[in-house]
Amino acid sequence: MKTPEGMQKLLQEELPVRLANRIAHLDTLPCLDVVESINGVRADFVRAFIEVRDAKSPSQFNLAIRRLKKRNEDHALRMTMGMKHWKELQRSQGESEEGTRTFVNEFLDRLFLSRIGMETLTSQYLALSRNSDGIVDQNCDPCDVCAKAAERVSDMASEYLNVVPDIEISFHGPESARTLPLIPQYLFYIAVELLKNSLRAVGELHEASGARGRPTPVEIRVASDESQVGVSIMDRGGGIPFRRQPHVWSYMYSTARGNSVCQKTGLLVDETAKPTPLSGYGVGLPLSRLYAEYIGGSLHLMSMPNFGTHAYLFLEQSSKREEALPSYVNWLRKQKLREEILSFEEREKQAADKRDYPEALRLKTLAAEARVELALLER
């Protein structure tokens, strides 16, 4: 599986199945026909299914994959906005706010997990023509990735804030444990989303206080030993009120000013904040958690109102690390899912030992999707 030809054979077998599952998943959504943006995503899946299935030559297949990835670029935003519309329709029909929100979160978790899996496989296929390890960096340095993310977010912040807070990065640990096998683009996404929140919070608090001089810096600390790597992003941007904290992992909720929460129930009742370069549509944090879990890690937030927020990302050092993600099914399916997960994990370890990373990625994806169903079943 270390060649584009091998990956093409694999993808021509698996992508149509995955795309068909996504189409069927969308078809379970009540009132699907009246939400234009979700129908558009479904149409993209159908088009990709036909193009991948009908591609005969390597050049035709390569073009089909590039078209699929191009169409997928804004799927997260389109689905999130579409589900916001869908939620409003359900609320108008008498469905509860909390029940509808829970359904939306679980529905999007499952959809976006599959999206990450397809994104990984297709990116690996395209990258193999340039690099035998594909999208995996065997010696990824989290400090380097965070530095690139800091530069990107600082540029974005300069369009919105009068004074952009500094970002300080430090490493704590032996040099032998500084790097790990990882997909850098996923760590980069997580770091960018966390830094956007931190820079905005610190910058807005500094401007509102009327203080002179520089705002307090945002600190990134990377600490590691031979088993794990921890990345913390710390800010003193005022924190998140306790009543809002249960909503930070919810799709469509943004920490931007303008979103309001009911004082009595703690439920989000108004989402009026306008998107800015540093605060978008509320997709960033829940997607970051999915990416973290997909690469075998975990993402946590600890926020202290009137002080600041600390985000913690933990990653396994081993290239054999497991994935764990959310989704659904029935009791009889549990035993089969557990057996499938054990089989995929064992075969993934064997592939990793042989340095067949494309095969390991494929098995990792299959294990993750099975774990998704099992997690939702057990909720």
Foldseek 3Di string as FASTA:
>chain_A
DLALVVLLVVCLVPLLVLLVVLLVLCVVQPPSVVQVLSVVVSVLSVVLSVQSNPQDDPVSNLVSLVSSVVVCPCNLVSLLVSLVVVLVVVVVVPDDPVVSLVVSQQSVQLNVLSVVLSVVSSQQSVQSVPDSLGQKDAFDALQVLLVVLQVVLQVQVVVPFPAFAAEAEDEAEDPVWRGAIFRSVLSSLLSNLVVLVQRVLQRVQCVVVVDDDHTHHWYWYWYDDQWKIKIKTKHFSQWDPPLQVVCLLGFQDKPDPPFDADPPPSHTDDRDDDDGSSIHRSSRNNSSQSSLLLQQKGKDKDTDGGTIIMIMIMHTRDPLHAHAGAHADEDVCQVVLVVLLVVLSVVLVVCVVVVVNSSNSNSRSVNHSSNRHNRHHVD
